Each structure stands twice: as C-alpha cells, then as structure tokens.
Amino acid sequence: LLASTGLLKGRNCATHWMAANDFRQWFPEVNLVTERIITDEHGLYS
C-alpha cells in the first residue's frame, strides 16, 4: 500500500521475503532490500 502511493520511487523498502518476487514485479522503481528488517529514508519507514 505504501509503494502504491509512489512515495518510495527510487528508495529502499523492506517487506516479507515471501512476497519479494511480487513486489519487484509490481514496483520495479523501488529498491527492495529483502535482507533488511528496517528501512528509514526521508521519513518513510518499512
């Protein structure tokens, strides 16, 4: 839902590793970091 806002474009994001393939397909402009538990960029956290 956060990525659907467009706010994560060009930024790092974490999510459940089971959904990583779907996330990359839907939001190729977001840098998915599958190994991370927390991301913190410009007031956006995941």
All heavy atoms as atom14 arrays in JSON, in Angstrom:
{
  "sequence": "LLASTGLLKGRNCATHWMAANDFRQWFPEVNLVTERIITDEHGLYS",
  "atom14_mask": [
    [1, 1, 1, 1, 1, 1, 1, 1, 0, 0, 0, 0, 0, 0],
    [1, 1, 1, 1, 1, 1, 1, 1, 0, 0, 0, 0, 0, 0],
    [1, 1, 1, 1, 1, 0, 0, 0, 0, 0, 0, 0, 0, 0],
    [1, 1, 1, 1, 1, 1, 0, 0, 0, 0, 0, 0, 0, 0],
    [1, 1, 1, 1, 1, 1, 1, 0, 0, 0, 0, 0, 0, 0],
    [1, 1, 1, 1, 0, 0, 0, 0, 0, 0, 0, 0, 0, 0],
    [1, 1, 1, 1, 1, 1, 1, 1, 0, 0, 0, 0, 0, 0],
    [1, 1, 1, 1, 1, 1, 1, 1, 0, 0, 0, 0, 0, 0],
    [1, 1, 1, 1, 1, 1, 1, 1, 1, 0, 0, 0, 0, 0],
    [1, 1, 1, 1, 0, 0, 0, 0, 0, 0, 0, 0, 0, 0],
    [1, 1, 1, 1, 1, 1, 1, 1, 1, 1, 1, 0, 0, 0],
    [1, 1, 1, 1, 1, 1, 1, 1, 0, 0, 0, 0, 0, 0],
    [1, 1, 1, 1, 1, 1, 0, 0, 0, 0, 0, 0, 0, 0],
    [1, 1, 1, 1, 1, 0, 0, 0, 0, 0, 0, 0, 0, 0],
    [1, 1, 1, 1, 1, 1, 1, 0, 0, 0, 0, 0, 0, 0],
    [1, 1, 1, 1, 1, 1, 1, 1, 1, 1, 0, 0, 0, 0],
    [1, 1, 1, 1, 1, 1, 1, 1, 1, 1, 1, 1, 1, 1],
    [1, 1, 1, 1, 1, 1, 1, 1, 0, 0, 0, 0, 0, 0],
    [1, 1, 1, 1, 1, 0, 0, 0, 0, 0, 0, 0, 0, 0],
    [1, 1, 1, 1, 1, 0, 0, 0, 0, 0, 0, 0, 0, 0],
    [1, 1, 1, 1, 1, 1, 1, 1, 0, 0, 0, 0, 0, 0],
    [1, 1, 1, 1, 1, 1, 1, 1, 0, 0, 0, 0, 0, 0],
    [1, 1, 1, 1, 1, 1, 1, 1, 1, 1, 1, 0, 0, 0],
    [1, 1, 1, 1, 1, 1, 1, 1, 1, 1, 1, 0, 0, 0],
    [1, 1, 1, 1, 1, 1, 1, 1, 1, 0, 0, 0, 0, 0],
    [1, 1, 1, 1, 1, 1, 1, 1, 1, 1, 1, 1, 1, 1],
    [1, 1, 1, 1, 1, 1, 1, 1, 1, 1, 1, 0, 0, 0],
    [1, 1, 1, 1, 1, 1, 1, 0, 0, 0, 0, 0, 0, 0],
    [1, 1, 1, 1, 1, 1, 1, 1, 1, 0, 0, 0, 0, 0],
    [1, 1, 1, 1, 1, 1, 1, 0, 0, 0, 0, 0, 0, 0],
    [1, 1, 1, 1, 1, 1, 1, 1, 0, 0, 0, 0, 0, 0],
    [1, 1, 1, 1, 1, 1, 1, 1, 0, 0, 0, 0, 0, 0],
    [1, 1, 1, 1, 1, 1, 1, 0, 0, 0, 0, 0, 0, 0],
    [1, 1, 1, 1, 1, 1, 1, 0, 0, 0, 0, 0, 0, 0],
    [1, 1, 1, 1, 1, 1, 1, 1, 1, 0, 0, 0, 0, 0],
    [1, 1, 1, 1, 1, 1, 1, 1, 1, 1, 1, 0, 0, 0],
    [1, 1, 1, 1, 1, 1, 1, 1, 0, 0, 0, 0, 0, 0],
    [1, 1, 1, 1, 1, 1, 1, 1, 0, 0, 0, 0, 0, 0],
    [1, 1, 1, 1, 1, 1, 1, 0, 0, 0, 0, 0, 0, 0],
    [1, 1, 1, 1, 1, 1, 1, 1, 0, 0, 0, 0, 0, 0],
    [1, 1, 1, 1, 1, 1, 1, 1, 1, 0, 0, 0, 0, 0],
    [1, 1, 1, 1, 1, 1, 1, 1, 1, 1, 0, 0, 0, 0],
    [1, 1, 1, 1, 0, 0, 0, 0, 0, 0, 0, 0, 0, 0],
    [1, 1, 1, 1, 1, 1, 1, 1, 0, 0, 0, 0, 0, 0],
    [1, 1, 1, 1, 1, 1, 1, 1, 1, 1, 1, 1, 0, 0],
    [1, 1, 1, 1, 1, 1, 0, 0, 0, 0, 0, 0, 0, 0]
  ],
  "atom14_positions": [
    [[0.83, -1.2, 0.0], [0.0, 0.0, 0.0], [0.87, 1.25, 0.0], [0.59, 2.21, -0.72], [-0.93, -0.01, 1.2], [-1.99, 1.11, 1.25], [-2.87, 1.1, 0.0], [-2.86, 0.98, 2.5], [0.0, 0.0, 0.0], [0.0, 0.0, 0.0], [0.0, 0.0, 0.0], [0.0, 0.0, 0.0], [0.0, 0.0, 0.0], [0.0, 0.0, 0.0]],
    [[1.94, 1.25, 0.77], [2.85, 2.4, 0.79], [3.48, 2.61, -0.59], [3.54, 3.74, -1.09], [3.94, 2.22, 1.85], [5.0, 3.32, 1.93], [4.37, 4.69, 2.11], [6.0, 3.03, 3.05], [0.0, 0.0, 0.0], [0.0, 0.0, 0.0], [0.0, 0.0, 0.0], [0.0, 0.0, 0.0], [0.0, 0.0, 0.0], [0.0, 0.0, 0.0]],
    [[3.95, 1.54, -1.22], [4.57, 1.67, -2.54], [3.58, 2.17, -3.58], [3.96, 2.86, -4.54], [5.17, 0.33, -2.98], [0.0, 0.0, 0.0], [0.0, 0.0, 0.0], [0.0, 0.0, 0.0], [0.0, 0.0, 0.0], [0.0, 0.0, 0.0], [0.0, 0.0, 0.0], [0.0, 0.0, 0.0], [0.0, 0.0, 0.0], [0.0, 0.0, 0.0]],
    [[2.3, 1.85, -3.39], [1.27, 2.29, -4.34], [1.08, 3.8, -4.33], [0.49, 4.36, -5.26], [-0.07, 1.59, -4.04], [0.04, 0.19, -4.22], [0.0, 0.0, 0.0], [0.0, 0.0, 0.0], [0.0, 0.0, 0.0], [0.0, 0.0, 0.0], [0.0, 0.0, 0.0], [0.0, 0.0, 0.0], [0.0, 0.0, 0.0], [0.0, 0.0, 0.0]],
    [[1.58, 4.47, -3.3], [1.48, 5.93, -3.25], [2.49, 6.6, -4.18], [2.36, 7.79, -4.49], [1.74, 6.46, -1.83], [3.11, 6.18, -1.47], [0.8, 5.83, -0.82], [0.0, 0.0, 0.0], [0.0, 0.0, 0.0], [0.0, 0.0, 0.0], [0.0, 0.0, 0.0], [0.0, 0.0, 0.0], [0.0, 0.0, 0.0], [0.0, 0.0, 0.0]],
    [[3.52, 5.86, -4.59], [4.59, 6.45, -5.39], [5.67, 7.11, -4.56], [6.7, 7.54, -5.11], [0.0, 0.0, 0.0], [0.0, 0.0, 0.0], [0.0, 0.0, 0.0], [0.0, 0.0, 0.0], [0.0, 0.0, 0.0], [0.0, 0.0, 0.0], [0.0, 0.0, 0.0], [0.0, 0.0, 0.0], [0.0, 0.0, 0.0], [0.0, 0.0, 0.0]],
    [[5.5, 7.18, -3.25], [6.47, 7.87, -2.4], [7.8, 7.12, -2.29], [8.83, 7.72, -1.94], [5.89, 8.06, -0.99], [4.66, 8.97, -0.88], [4.11, 8.95, 0.55], [4.99, 10.4, -1.31], [0.0, 0.0, 0.0], [0.0, 0.0, 0.0], [0.0, 0.0, 0.0], [0.0, 0.0, 0.0], [0.0, 0.0, 0.0], [0.0, 0.0, 0.0]],
    [[7.79, 5.82, -2.58], [9.01, 5.02, -2.44], [9.84, 4.96, -3.71], [10.87, 4.29, -3.74], [8.65, 3.59, -2.02], [8.12, 3.4, -0.6], [7.7, 1.95, -0.38], [9.17, 3.81, 0.44], [0.0, 0.0, 0.0], [0.0, 0.0, 0.0], [0.0, 0.0, 0.0], [0.0, 0.0, 0.0], [0.0, 0.0, 0.0], [0.0, 0.0, 0.0]],
    [[9.44, 5.64, -4.74], [10.17, 5.58, -6.01], [11.63, 5.98, -5.8], [11.94, 7.04, -5.27], [9.53, 6.51, -7.03], [10.14, 6.4, -8.42], [9.38, 7.23, -9.44], [9.98, 7.06, -10.84], [9.25, 7.87, -11.84], [0.0, 0.0, 0.0], [0.0, 0.0, 0.0], [0.0, 0.0, 0.0], [0.0, 0.0, 0.0], [0.0, 0.0, 0.0]],
    [[12.54, 5.07, -6.2], [13.97, 5.32, -6.06], [14.52, 5.13, -4.66], [15.69, 5.42, -4.4], [0.0, 0.0, 0.0], [0.0, 0.0, 0.0], [0.0, 0.0, 0.0], [0.0, 0.0, 0.0], [0.0, 0.0, 0.0], [0.0, 0.0, 0.0], [0.0, 0.0, 0.0], [0.0, 0.0, 0.0], [0.0, 0.0, 0.0], [0.0, 0.0, 0.0]],
    [[13.67, 4.63, -3.74], [14.09, 4.47, -2.35], [14.07, 3.0, -1.93], [13.47, 2.16, -2.6], [13.19, 5.31, -1.44], [13.38, 6.8, -1.66], [12.38, 7.63, -0.89], [12.67, 9.06, -1.07], [11.82, 10.03, -0.82], [10.61, 9.75, -0.37], [12.16, 11.3, -1.0], [0.0, 0.0, 0.0], [0.0, 0.0, 0.0], [0.0, 0.0, 0.0]],
    [[14.69, 2.73, -0.79], [14.73, 1.37, -0.25], [13.42, 1.03, 0.45], [12.75, 1.89, 1.02], [15.86, 1.23, 0.76], [17.23, 1.26, 0.11], [17.38, 0.93, -1.06], [18.23, 1.67, 0.86], [0.0, 0.0, 0.0], [0.0, 0.0, 0.0], [0.0, 0.0, 0.0], [0.0, 0.0, 0.0], [0.0, 0.0, 0.0], [0.0, 0.0, 0.0]],
    [[13.08, -0.25, 0.41], [11.88, -0.73, 1.1], [12.09, -2.19, 1.48], [12.72, -2.96, 0.75], [10.66, -0.6, 0.19], [9.1, -1.14, 0.97], [0.0, 0.0, 0.0], [0.0, 0.0, 0.0], [0.0, 0.0, 0.0], [0.0, 0.0, 0.0], [0.0, 0.0, 0.0], [0.0, 0.0, 0.0], [0.0, 0.0, 0.0], [0.0, 0.0, 0.0]],
    [[11.56, -2.56, 2.64], [11.56, -3.96, 3.09], [10.13, -4.47, 3.13], [9.18, -3.7, 3.27], [12.19, -4.08, 4.47], [0.0, 0.0, 0.0], [0.0, 0.0, 0.0], [0.0, 0.0, 0.0], [0.0, 0.0, 0.0], [0.0, 0.0, 0.0], [0.0, 0.0, 0.0], [0.0, 0.0, 0.0], [0.0, 0.0, 0.0], [0.0, 0.0, 0.0]],
    [[9.97, -5.77, 3.0], [8.67, -6.41, 3.17], [8.93, -7.88, 3.48], [10.08, -8.3, 3.67], [7.78, -6.23, 1.93], [6.44, -6.65, 2.25], [8.27, -7.03, 0.73], [0.0, 0.0, 0.0], [0.0, 0.0, 0.0], [0.0, 0.0, 0.0], [0.0, 0.0, 0.0], [0.0, 0.0, 0.0], [0.0, 0.0, 0.0], [0.0, 0.0, 0.0]],
    [[7.88, -8.67, 3.55], [8.06, -10.1, 3.83], [8.8, -10.75, 2.67], [8.48, -10.51, 1.5], [6.7, -10.78, 4.02], [6.79, -12.08, 4.76], [7.5, -13.15, 4.28], [6.27, -12.47, 5.95], [7.41, -14.16, 5.13], [6.67, -13.76, 6.16], [0.0, 0.0, 0.0], [0.0, 0.0, 0.0], [0.0, 0.0, 0.0], [0.0, 0.0, 0.0]],
    [[9.79, -11.6, 3.0], [10.59, -12.23, 1.94], [9.73, -13.1, 1.02], [10.05, -13.26, -0.16], [11.73, -13.06, 2.54], [11.31, -14.15, 3.5], [11.28, -14.08, 4.86], [10.86, -15.48, 3.17], [10.84, -15.27, 5.4], [10.58, -16.14, 4.39], [10.68, -16.16, 1.97], [10.13, -17.45, 4.44], [10.23, -17.47, 2.02], [9.96, -18.1, 3.24]],
    [[8.6, -13.62, 1.51], [7.76, -14.46, 0.66], [7.1, -13.67, -0.47], [6.71, -14.23, -1.48], [6.67, -15.15, 1.5], [7.19, -16.24, 2.4], [5.86, -17.11, 3.27], [5.08, -17.98, 1.9], [0.0, 0.0, 0.0], [0.0, 0.0, 0.0], [0.0, 0.0, 0.0], [0.0, 0.0, 0.0], [0.0, 0.0, 0.0], [0.0, 0.0, 0.0]],
    [[6.96, -12.36, -0.27], [6.31, -11.51, -1.27], [7.31, -10.76, -2.13], [6.91, -9.89, -2.92], [5.37, -10.53, -0.58], [0.0, 0.0, 0.0], [0.0, 0.0, 0.0], [0.0, 0.0, 0.0], [0.0, 0.0, 0.0], [0.0, 0.0, 0.0], [0.0, 0.0, 0.0], [0.0, 0.0, 0.0], [0.0, 0.0, 0.0], [0.0, 0.0, 0.0]],
    [[8.59, -11.08, -2.01], [9.62, -10.29, -2.7], [9.46, -10.31, -4.22], [9.59, -9.27, -4.88], [11.01, -10.82, -2.32], [0.0, 0.0, 0.0], [0.0, 0.0, 0.0], [0.0, 0.0, 0.0], [0.0, 0.0, 0.0], [0.0, 0.0, 0.0], [0.0, 0.0, 0.0], [0.0, 0.0, 0.0], [0.0, 0.0, 0.0], [0.0, 0.0, 0.0]],
    [[9.17, -11.47, -4.79], [9.05, -11.56, -6.25], [7.88, -10.72, -6.75], [8.0, -9.99, -7.75], [8.87, -13.02, -6.68], [10.14, -13.84, -6.47], [11.23, -13.3, -6.39], [9.99, -15.15, -6.38], [0.0, 0.0, 0.0], [0.0, 0.0, 0.0], [0.0, 0.0, 0.0], [0.0, 0.0, 0.0], [0.0, 0.0, 0.0], [0.0, 0.0, 0.0]],
    [[6.74, -10.79, -6.07], [5.58, -9.98, -6.46], [5.9, -8.49, -6.33], [5.56, -7.69, -7.2], [4.37, -10.32, -5.6], [3.73, -11.65, -5.98], [3.96, -12.1, -7.12], [3.01, -12.22, -5.14], [0.0, 0.0, 0.0], [0.0, 0.0, 0.0], [0.0, 0.0, 0.0], [0.0, 0.0, 0.0], [0.0, 0.0, 0.0], [0.0, 0.0, 0.0]],
    [[6.56, -8.13, -5.23], [6.85, -6.71, -5.0], [7.73, -6.17, -6.12], [7.48, -5.07, -6.63], [7.52, -6.52, -3.64], [7.61, -5.08, -3.22], [6.62, -4.51, -2.43], [8.69, -4.29, -3.61], [6.71, -3.17, -2.04], [8.77, -2.96, -3.23], [7.78, -2.4, -2.44], [0.0, 0.0, 0.0], [0.0, 0.0, 0.0], [0.0, 0.0, 0.0]],
    [[8.77, -6.9, -6.49], [9.67, -6.44, -7.56], [8.93, -6.28, -8.88], [9.2, -5.36, -9.64], [10.83, -7.4, -7.72], [11.87, -7.34, -6.6], [13.14, -8.07, -7.0], [14.12, -8.06, -5.93], [14.31, -9.05, -5.07], [13.57, -10.16, -5.17], [15.22, -8.96, -4.13], [0.0, 0.0, 0.0], [0.0, 0.0, 0.0], [0.0, 0.0, 0.0]],
    [[8.02, -7.2, -9.16], [7.26, -7.1, -10.41], [6.34, -5.89, -10.41], [6.24, -5.19, -11.42], [6.42, -8.37, -10.61], [7.21, -9.56, -11.13], [6.29, -10.7, -11.52], [5.4, -11.09, -10.76], [6.47, -11.22, -12.7], [0.0, 0.0, 0.0], [0.0, 0.0, 0.0], [0.0, 0.0, 0.0], [0.0, 0.0, 0.0], [0.0, 0.0, 0.0]],
    [[5.67, -5.63, -9.3], [4.72, -4.54, -9.24], [5.39, -3.18, -9.14], [4.89, -2.19, -9.68], [3.81, -4.7, -8.02], [2.95, -5.91, -8.01], [3.01, -6.99, -8.85], [1.91, -6.2, -7.07], [2.08, -7.93, -8.5], [1.38, -7.47, -7.41], [1.39, -5.52, -5.98], [0.35, -8.06, -6.69], [0.37, -6.1, -5.27], [-0.15, -7.36, -5.62]],
    [[6.52, -3.12, -8.43], [7.16, -1.83, -8.16], [8.64, -1.87, -8.54], [9.52, -1.77, -7.67], [7.0, -1.47, -6.67], [5.58, -1.53, -6.17], [5.16, -2.55, -5.31], [4.65, -0.59, -6.56], [3.86, -2.6, -4.85], [3.34, -0.64, -6.12], [2.94, -1.64, -5.26], [0.0, 0.0, 0.0], [0.0, 0.0, 0.0], [0.0, 0.0, 0.0]],
    [[8.94, -2.0, -9.82], [10.34, -2.09, -10.24], [11.14, -0.82, -9.94], [12.38, -0.86, -9.9], [10.25, -2.34, -11.75], [8.9, -1.83, -12.14], [8.01, -2.09, -10.97], [0.0, 0.0, 0.0], [0.0, 0.0, 0.0], [0.0, 0.0, 0.0], [0.0, 0.0, 0.0], [0.0, 0.0, 0.0], [0.0, 0.0, 0.0], [0.0, 0.0, 0.0]],
    [[10.45, 0.28, -9.71], [11.14, 1.55, -9.43], [11.56, 1.67, -7.97], [12.25, 2.63, -7.59], [10.23, 2.73, -9.8], [9.05, 2.96, -8.88], [7.87, 2.02, -9.08], [7.97, 1.11, -9.94], [6.83, 2.2, -8.4], [0.0, 0.0, 0.0], [0.0, 0.0, 0.0], [0.0, 0.0, 0.0], [0.0, 0.0, 0.0], [0.0, 0.0, 0.0]],
    [[11.16, 0.71, -7.12], [11.51, 0.71, -5.7], [12.65, -0.27, -5.48], [12.66, -1.37, -6.04], [10.3, 0.32, -4.83], [10.69, 0.32, -3.35], [9.14, 1.29, -5.06], [0.0, 0.0, 0.0], [0.0, 0.0, 0.0], [0.0, 0.0, 0.0], [0.0, 0.0, 0.0], [0.0, 0.0, 0.0], [0.0, 0.0, 0.0], [0.0, 0.0, 0.0]],
    [[13.61, 0.09, -4.65], [14.75, -0.78, -4.35], [14.4, -1.68, -3.18], [14.5, -1.27, -2.02], [15.99, 0.06, -4.04], [17.2, -0.82, -3.72], [17.33, -1.93, -4.24], [18.08, -0.34, -2.86], [0.0, 0.0, 0.0], [0.0, 0.0, 0.0], [0.0, 0.0, 0.0], [0.0, 0.0, 0.0], [0.0, 0.0, 0.0], [0.0, 0.0, 0.0]],
    [[13.96, -2.9, -3.47], [13.58, -3.84, -2.42], [14.83, -4.42, -1.77], [15.7, -4.96, -2.45], [12.71, -4.96, -2.99], [12.21, -5.98, -1.97], [11.27, -5.33, -0.97], [11.52, -7.15, -2.65], [0.0, 0.0, 0.0], [0.0, 0.0, 0.0], [0.0, 0.0, 0.0], [0.0, 0.0, 0.0], [0.0, 0.0, 0.0], [0.0, 0.0, 0.0]],
    [[14.91, -4.33, -0.46], [16.06, -4.88, 0.28], [15.53, -6.03, 1.14], [15.1, -5.84, 2.27], [16.76, -3.79, 1.12], [17.63, -2.92, 0.24], [15.76, -2.92, 1.87], [0.0, 0.0, 0.0], [0.0, 0.0, 0.0], [0.0, 0.0, 0.0], [0.0, 0.0, 0.0], [0.0, 0.0, 0.0], [0.0, 0.0, 0.0], [0.0, 0.0, 0.0]],
    [[15.57, -7.21, 0.57], [14.9, -8.36, 1.21], [15.56, -8.78, 2.51], [14.91, -9.42, 3.34], [14.89, -9.56, 0.24], [16.23, -9.81, -0.21], [14.01, -9.28, -0.95], [0.0, 0.0, 0.0], [0.0, 0.0, 0.0], [0.0, 0.0, 0.0], [0.0, 0.0, 0.0], [0.0, 0.0, 0.0], [0.0, 0.0, 0.0], [0.0, 0.0, 0.0]],
    [[16.84, -8.45, 2.68], [17.52, -8.9, 3.89], [17.27, -7.99, 5.09], [17.5, -8.38, 6.23], [19.04, -8.99, 3.64], [19.78, -7.66, 3.55], [19.6, -6.93, 2.22], [18.86, -7.44, 1.35], [20.2, -5.85, 2.05], [0.0, 0.0, 0.0], [0.0, 0.0, 0.0], [0.0, 0.0, 0.0], [0.0, 0.0, 0.0], [0.0, 0.0, 0.0]],
    [[16.77, -6.81, 4.86], [16.65, -5.82, 5.93], [15.35, -6.0, 6.72], [14.31, -6.34, 6.17], [16.68, -4.41, 5.34], [18.0, -4.06, 4.65], [18.99, -3.42, 5.56], [18.56, -2.05, 5.87], [18.78, -1.01, 5.07], [19.38, -1.17, 3.9], [18.4, 0.19, 5.44], [0.0, 0.0, 0.0], [0.0, 0.0, 0.0], [0.0, 0.0, 0.0]],
    [[15.41, -5.71, 8.02], [14.2, -5.69, 8.84], [13.62, -4.28, 8.89], [12.41, -4.1, 8.95], [14.51, -6.22, 10.26], [14.6, -7.75, 10.22], [13.47, -5.79, 11.27], [14.86, -8.4, 11.55], [0.0, 0.0, 0.0], [0.0, 0.0, 0.0], [0.0, 0.0, 0.0], [0.0, 0.0, 0.0], [0.0, 0.0, 0.0], [0.0, 0.0, 0.0]],
    [[14.48, -3.27, 8.83], [14.02, -1.89, 8.93], [14.67, -1.05, 7.83], [15.86, -1.17, 7.57], [14.4, -1.28, 10.3], [13.7, -2.01, 11.45], [14.08, 0.22, 10.36], [14.22, -1.63, 12.82], [0.0, 0.0, 0.0], [0.0, 0.0, 0.0], [0.0, 0.0, 0.0], [0.0, 0.0, 0.0], [0.0, 0.0, 0.0], [0.0, 0.0, 0.0]],
    [[13.87, -0.2, 7.19], [14.43, 0.86, 6.34], [13.93, 2.2, 6.87], [12.84, 2.31, 7.42], [14.04, 0.7, 4.86], [12.61, 0.9, 4.71], [14.43, -0.67, 4.32], [0.0, 0.0, 0.0], [0.0, 0.0, 0.0], [0.0, 0.0, 0.0], [0.0, 0.0, 0.0], [0.0, 0.0, 0.0], [0.0, 0.0, 0.0], [0.0, 0.0, 0.0]],
    [[14.75, 3.21, 6.68], [14.46, 4.56, 7.18], [15.04, 5.55, 6.18], [16.25, 5.74, 6.12], [15.09, 4.73, 8.56], [14.99, 6.16, 9.1], [14.5, 7.05, 8.39], [15.43, 6.38, 10.25], [0.0, 0.0, 0.0], [0.0, 0.0, 0.0], [0.0, 0.0, 0.0], [0.0, 0.0, 0.0], [0.0, 0.0, 0.0], [0.0, 0.0, 0.0]],
    [[14.17, 6.15, 5.37], [14.62, 7.11, 4.37], [13.61, 8.25, 4.23], [12.45, 8.0, 3.88], [14.79, 6.44, 3.0], [15.96, 5.47, 2.91], [16.27, 5.06, 1.48], [15.83, 5.77, 0.54], [16.94, 4.04, 1.29], [0.0, 0.0, 0.0], [0.0, 0.0, 0.0], [0.0, 0.0, 0.0], [0.0, 0.0, 0.0], [0.0, 0.0, 0.0]],
    [[14.05, 9.45, 4.51], [13.25, 10.65, 4.27], [11.86, 10.57, 4.91], [10.86, 10.93, 4.31], [13.11, 10.9, 2.76], [14.42, 10.99, 2.04], [15.21, 12.12, 2.08], [15.08, 10.09, 1.28], [16.3, 11.9, 1.37], [16.26, 10.69, 0.88], [0.0, 0.0, 0.0], [0.0, 0.0, 0.0], [0.0, 0.0, 0.0], [0.0, 0.0, 0.0]],
    [[11.83, 10.07, 6.15], [10.55, 10.0, 6.84], [9.64, 8.88, 6.37], [8.46, 8.86, 6.7], [0.0, 0.0, 0.0], [0.0, 0.0, 0.0], [0.0, 0.0, 0.0], [0.0, 0.0, 0.0], [0.0, 0.0, 0.0], [0.0, 0.0, 0.0], [0.0, 0.0, 0.0], [0.0, 0.0, 0.0], [0.0, 0.0, 0.0], [0.0, 0.0, 0.0]],
    [[10.19, 7.93, 5.64], [9.46, 6.74, 5.19], [10.15, 5.51, 5.77], [11.36, 5.33, 5.6], [9.43, 6.66, 3.66], [8.73, 7.81, 2.94], [9.0, 7.75, 1.44], [7.22, 7.78, 3.21], [0.0, 0.0, 0.0], [0.0, 0.0, 0.0], [0.0, 0.0, 0.0], [0.0, 0.0, 0.0], [0.0, 0.0, 0.0], [0.0, 0.0, 0.0]],
    [[9.38, 4.69, 6.46], [9.93, 3.51, 7.12], [9.23, 2.26, 6.59], [8.07, 2.3, 6.18], [9.7, 3.58, 8.63], [10.16, 4.87, 9.28], [9.29, 5.96, 9.39], [11.45, 5.0, 9.78], [9.71, 7.14, 9.99], [11.87, 6.17, 10.39], [10.99, 7.25, 10.49], [11.4, 8.41, 11.08], [0.0, 0.0, 0.0], [0.0, 0.0, 0.0]],
    [[9.93, 1.14, 6.66], [9.28, -0.14, 6.33], [9.92, -1.22, 7.17], [11.02, -1.06, 7.7], [9.42, -0.45, 4.83], [10.79, -0.61, 4.46], [0.0, 0.0, 0.0], [0.0, 0.0, 0.0], [0.0, 0.0, 0.0], [0.0, 0.0, 0.0], [0.0, 0.0, 0.0], [0.0, 0.0, 0.0], [0.0, 0.0, 0.0], [0.0, 0.0, 0.0]]
  ]
}
